[in-house]
N, C-alpha and C. Protein backbone atom coordinates (compact mmCIF):
# COMPACT_ATOMS: atom_id res chain seq x y z
N MET A 1 0.38 -0.89 0.36
CA MET A 1 0.06 0.14 0.10
C MET A 1 0.46 1.35 0.12
N SER A 2 1.47 0.68 0.63
CA SER A 2 2.60 2.85 1.23
C SER A 2 3.43 2.83 -0.58
N GLY A 3 3.27 1.27 -1.65
CA GLY A 3 4.50 1.84 -2.46
C GLY A 3 3.26 2.50 -3.90
N LEU A 4 2.03 1.77 -3.68
CA LEU A 4 0.82 3.02 -4.82
C LEU A 4 0.36 3.80 -3.62
N TYR A 5 0.48 4.66 -2.68
CA TYR A 5 0.86 5.71 -2.13
C TYR A 5 1.65 6.74 -2.85
N GLN A 6 3.40 6.33 -2.95
CA GLN A 6 4.14 6.82 -2.91
C GLN A 6 4.27 7.79 -3.94
N THR A 7 3.78 6.03 -5.41
CA THR A 7 3.44 6.43 -6.69
C THR A 7 2.59 7.55 -7.13
N PHE A 8 1.30 7.91 -6.26
CA PHE A 8 0.78 8.50 -7.17
C PHE A 8 0.22 9.52 -6.03
N PHE A 9 0.81 9.72 -4.81
CA PHE A 9 0.82 10.90 -3.91
C PHE A 9 1.83 11.42 -3.61
N GLY A 10 3.33 10.89 -3.49
CA GLY A 10 4.25 10.82 -3.45
C GLY A 10 4.83 12.73 -3.70
N PRO A 11 6.26 12.93 -3.19
CA PRO A 11 6.96 14.50 -4.30
C PRO A 11 7.60 13.52 -5.49
N LEU A 12 7.52 14.39 -7.05
CA LEU A 12 7.72 14.64 -7.60
C LEU A 12 9.32 15.61 -8.14
N ASP A 13 10.09 14.49 -9.03
CA ASP A 13 11.57 15.31 -9.02
C ASP A 13 11.29 16.70 -9.94
N LYS A 14 12.26 16.61 -10.02
CA LYS A 14 12.59 18.53 -9.93
C LYS A 14 12.54 18.63 -12.20
N SER A 15 12.19 17.89 -12.38
CA SER A 15 12.19 17.21 -13.80
C SER A 15 10.07 17.69 -14.35
N ALA A 16 9.67 17.48 -13.53
CA ALA A 16 8.16 18.10 -12.61
C ALA A 16 7.97 19.50 -12.98
N CYS A 17 8.76 20.89 -12.56
CA CYS A 17 8.99 21.79 -12.78
C CYS A 17 8.64 22.39 -14.73
N PHE A 18 9.04 21.67 -15.53
CA PHE A 18 9.31 21.42 -16.66
C PHE A 18 7.83 22.36 -17.22
N TYR A 19 7.00 21.77 -17.37
CA TYR A 19 5.31 21.86 -17.39
C TYR A 19 4.98 23.19 -16.78
N LEU A 20 5.35 23.50 -15.25
CA LEU A 20 4.74 25.03 -15.40
C LEU A 20 6.41 25.96 -16.35
N TYR A 21 7.23 25.60 -16.61
CA TYR A 21 8.62 26.54 -17.31
C TYR A 21 6.96 25.83 -19.06
N PHE A 22 7.09 25.41 -19.72
CA PHE A 22 6.05 25.37 -20.39
C PHE A 22 4.78 26.29 -20.29
N LEU A 23 4.40 26.32 -19.93
CA LEU A 23 3.13 27.22 -19.42
C LEU A 23 2.80 28.01 -19.18
N SER A 24 4.14 29.14 -18.55
CA SER A 24 4.32 30.57 -18.76
C SER A 24 4.93 30.47 -20.54
N LEU A 25 6.13 29.66 -21.00
CA LEU A 25 6.33 30.22 -21.75
C LEU A 25 4.71 30.68 -22.89
N PHE A 26 4.05 29.31 -22.95
CA PHE A 26 3.22 29.59 -23.68
C PHE A 26 2.11 30.41 -23.34
N PHE A 27 1.60 30.78 -22.30
CA PHE A 27 1.43 32.35 -21.81
C PHE A 27 2.28 33.29 -22.19
N PHE A 28 3.00 33.31 -22.12
CA PHE A 28 3.93 34.73 -22.20
C PHE A 28 3.69 34.61 -23.63
N ILE A 29 3.93 33.67 -24.75
CA ILE A 29 3.35 33.95 -26.49
C ILE A 29 1.85 34.46 -26.50
N VAL A 30 1.52 33.63 -25.75
CA VAL A 30 -0.61 34.07 -25.90
C VAL A 30 -0.57 35.44 -25.76
N LEU A 31 0.02 36.18 -24.40
CA LEU A 31 -0.12 37.46 -24.54
C LEU A 31 0.59 38.38 -25.12
N LEU A 32 2.02 37.90 -26.01
CA LEU A 32 2.42 38.17 -26.61
C LEU A 32 1.34 38.92 -27.80
N PHE A 33 0.53 37.82 -28.76
CA PHE A 33 -0.05 37.64 -29.46
C PHE A 33 -1.69 38.75 -29.87
N VAL A 34 -2.49 38.74 -28.48
CA VAL A 34 -2.85 39.34 -28.02
C VAL A 34 -3.54 40.72 -28.38
N LEU A 35 -1.74 41.16 -27.49
CA LEU A 35 -1.65 42.33 -27.44
C LEU A 35 -1.19 43.00 -29.04
N PHE A 36 -0.91 42.01 -29.69
CA PHE A 36 -0.25 42.00 -30.98
C PHE A 36 -1.87 42.45 -31.89
N LYS A 37 -2.99 41.67 -32.22
CA LYS A 37 -3.84 41.86 -32.35
C LYS A 37 -5.01 42.99 -31.70
N GLU A 38 -4.80 43.62 -30.79
CA GLU A 38 -5.29 44.62 -29.35
C GLU A 38 -4.67 45.47 -30.18
N ILE A 39 -3.82 45.50 -30.92
CA ILE A 39 -2.89 46.72 -31.19
C ILE A 39 -3.24 47.35 -31.99
N VAL A 40 -3.43 46.08 -33.96
CA VAL A 40 -3.86 46.01 -34.62
C VAL A 40 -5.53 46.42 -34.91
N TYR A 41 -6.27 45.97 -34.24
CA TYR A 41 -7.75 46.46 -33.30
C TYR A 41 -7.58 47.55 -33.83
N VAL A 42 -7.36 48.19 -32.54
CA VAL A 42 -7.35 49.96 -32.21
C VAL A 42 -7.34 50.75 -33.41
N PHE A 43 -5.92 50.17 -33.68
CA PHE A 43 -6.00 51.36 -34.95
C PHE A 43 -6.22 50.89 -35.99
N LYS A 44 -7.43 49.86 -36.52
CA LYS A 44 -8.18 49.53 -37.43
C LYS A 44 -9.55 50.14 -37.39
N ASN A 45 -10.21 50.44 -35.65
CA ASN A 45 -11.50 50.56 -35.24
C ASN A 45 -11.60 52.13 -34.75
N TYR A 46 -10.59 53.01 -35.07
CA TYR A 46 -9.88 54.00 -33.40
C TYR A 46 -11.44 54.41 -33.40
N LYS A 47 -12.34 54.79 -34.34
CA LYS A 47 -13.26 55.91 -34.64
C LYS A 47 -14.41 55.56 -33.85
N ASN A 48 -14.57 54.02 -34.18
CA ASN A 48 -15.70 53.01 -33.30
C ASN A 48 -15.08 52.08 -31.92
N LEU A 49 -14.85 52.57 -31.42
CA LEU A 49 -14.17 52.04 -30.26
C LEU A 49 -15.22 52.60 -29.27
N GLY A 50 -15.96 51.90 -28.40
CA GLY A 50 -16.92 52.15 -27.47
C GLY A 50 -15.95 51.73 -25.91
N PHE A 51 -16.38 52.11 -25.31
CA PHE A 51 -16.03 51.92 -23.87
C PHE A 51 -16.00 50.50 -23.55
N LYS A 52 -16.73 50.36 -23.37
CA LYS A 52 -16.93 47.99 -23.10
C LYS A 52 -15.94 47.58 -24.26
N THR A 53 -15.77 48.34 -25.29
CA THR A 53 -14.96 47.37 -26.27
C THR A 53 -13.55 47.94 -25.00
N VAL A 54 -13.05 49.31 -25.15
CA VAL A 54 -11.24 49.02 -24.98
C VAL A 54 -11.45 48.52 -23.21
N VAL A 55 -12.15 48.23 -22.57
CA VAL A 55 -12.29 47.45 -21.16
C VAL A 55 -12.10 46.13 -21.40
N GLN A 56 -13.30 45.79 -22.42
CA GLN A 56 -13.07 44.01 -22.85
C GLN A 56 -11.74 43.59 -23.30
N GLY A 57 -10.98 44.94 -23.80
CA GLY A 57 -9.72 43.90 -24.68
C GLY A 57 -8.54 44.09 -23.21
N LEU A 58 -8.36 45.03 -22.14
CA LEU A 58 -7.94 45.48 -21.36
C LEU A 58 -7.83 44.10 -20.62
N LEU A 59 -9.31 44.04 -19.74
CA LEU A 59 -9.61 42.58 -19.32
C LEU A 59 -9.37 41.44 -19.75
N ILE A 60 -8.42 41.10 -20.75
CA ILE A 60 -8.41 39.96 -21.40
C ILE A 60 -7.28 39.95 -21.35
N LEU A 61 -6.50 41.30 -21.83
CA LEU A 61 -4.84 41.16 -21.62
C LEU A 61 -4.04 40.85 -20.06
N PHE A 62 -5.15 41.38 -19.34
CA PHE A 62 -5.30 41.31 -18.59
C PHE A 62 -5.17 39.80 -17.52
N ASN A 63 -5.75 39.21 -17.73
CA ASN A 63 -6.37 37.80 -17.50
C ASN A 63 -4.81 37.16 -17.98
N ILE A 64 -4.84 37.10 -19.00
CA ILE A 64 -3.49 36.39 -19.95
C ILE A 64 -2.38 36.78 -19.01
N PHE A 65 -2.07 38.09 -18.69
CA PHE A 65 -1.19 38.23 -18.51
C PHE A 65 -1.03 37.51 -16.65
N LEU A 66 -2.45 37.67 -15.83
CA LEU A 66 -1.68 37.30 -14.18
C LEU A 66 -1.64 35.84 -15.28
N ALA A 67 -2.49 34.78 -15.46
CA ALA A 67 -1.97 33.19 -15.94
C ALA A 67 -0.62 33.37 -16.34
N TYR A 68 0.31 34.17 -17.08
CA TYR A 68 1.48 33.78 -17.58
C TYR A 68 2.30 34.35 -15.82
N PHE A 69 2.38 35.15 -15.20
CA PHE A 69 2.37 35.62 -14.20
C PHE A 69 2.47 34.24 -12.84
N VAL A 70 1.63 33.74 -12.85
CA VAL A 70 0.94 32.75 -12.04
C VAL A 70 2.33 31.68 -12.25
N ASN A 71 1.84 30.94 -13.53
CA ASN A 71 2.45 29.96 -14.06
C ASN A 71 4.46 30.44 -13.81
N ARG A 72 4.66 31.14 -13.95
CA ARG A 72 6.10 31.57 -14.14
C ARG A 72 6.96 32.23 -11.86
N LEU A 73 5.77 32.83 -11.60
CA LEU A 73 6.46 32.22 -10.08
C LEU A 73 6.15 30.83 -9.76
N MET A 74 5.35 30.24 -9.99
CA MET A 74 4.75 28.20 -9.74
C MET A 74 6.28 28.24 -10.25
N TYR A 75 6.95 28.21 -11.53
CA TYR A 75 7.89 27.30 -11.68
C TYR A 75 9.43 27.75 -11.27
N THR A 76 9.56 29.42 -10.85
CA THR A 76 9.87 29.82 -10.20
C THR A 76 10.70 29.06 -8.06
N MET A 77 9.28 28.60 -7.98
CA MET A 77 8.62 27.96 -6.60
C MET A 77 9.12 26.77 -7.19
N CYS A 78 8.86 26.08 -7.54
CA CYS A 78 9.32 24.88 -8.20
C CYS A 78 11.12 24.34 -8.31
N ASN A 79 11.18 24.96 -8.78
CA ASN A 79 12.59 25.30 -9.04
C ASN A 79 13.32 25.97 -8.01
N LYS A 80 13.53 26.38 -7.30
CA LYS A 80 14.23 26.80 -5.97
C LYS A 80 14.05 25.75 -5.14
N SER A 81 12.73 25.00 -4.57
CA SER A 81 12.51 24.70 -4.08
C SER A 81 13.20 22.74 -3.68
N LEU A 82 13.19 22.76 -4.78
CA LEU A 82 13.78 21.09 -5.09
C LEU A 82 15.10 21.38 -6.04
N ILE A 83 16.30 21.60 -5.04
CA ILE A 83 17.56 21.67 -5.20
C ILE A 83 17.96 20.40 -5.80
């Protein structure tokens, strides 16, 4: 029973931190892509922009930035704790 418990609930090694690194890299690329798309959208439709559209764009950017930051923070914590 102890072996089964260790297999499914035991601590992971340092290579498991790569998952968080990949997620932070993925969200950073998504953040750059969405930022580029938002800038293009603003320049194309600057005459018809409403407050709601601007707020929605900023909230999307903030949400993606938050996902990037949390995954980067978790990767740093994982990497530093498993020396």
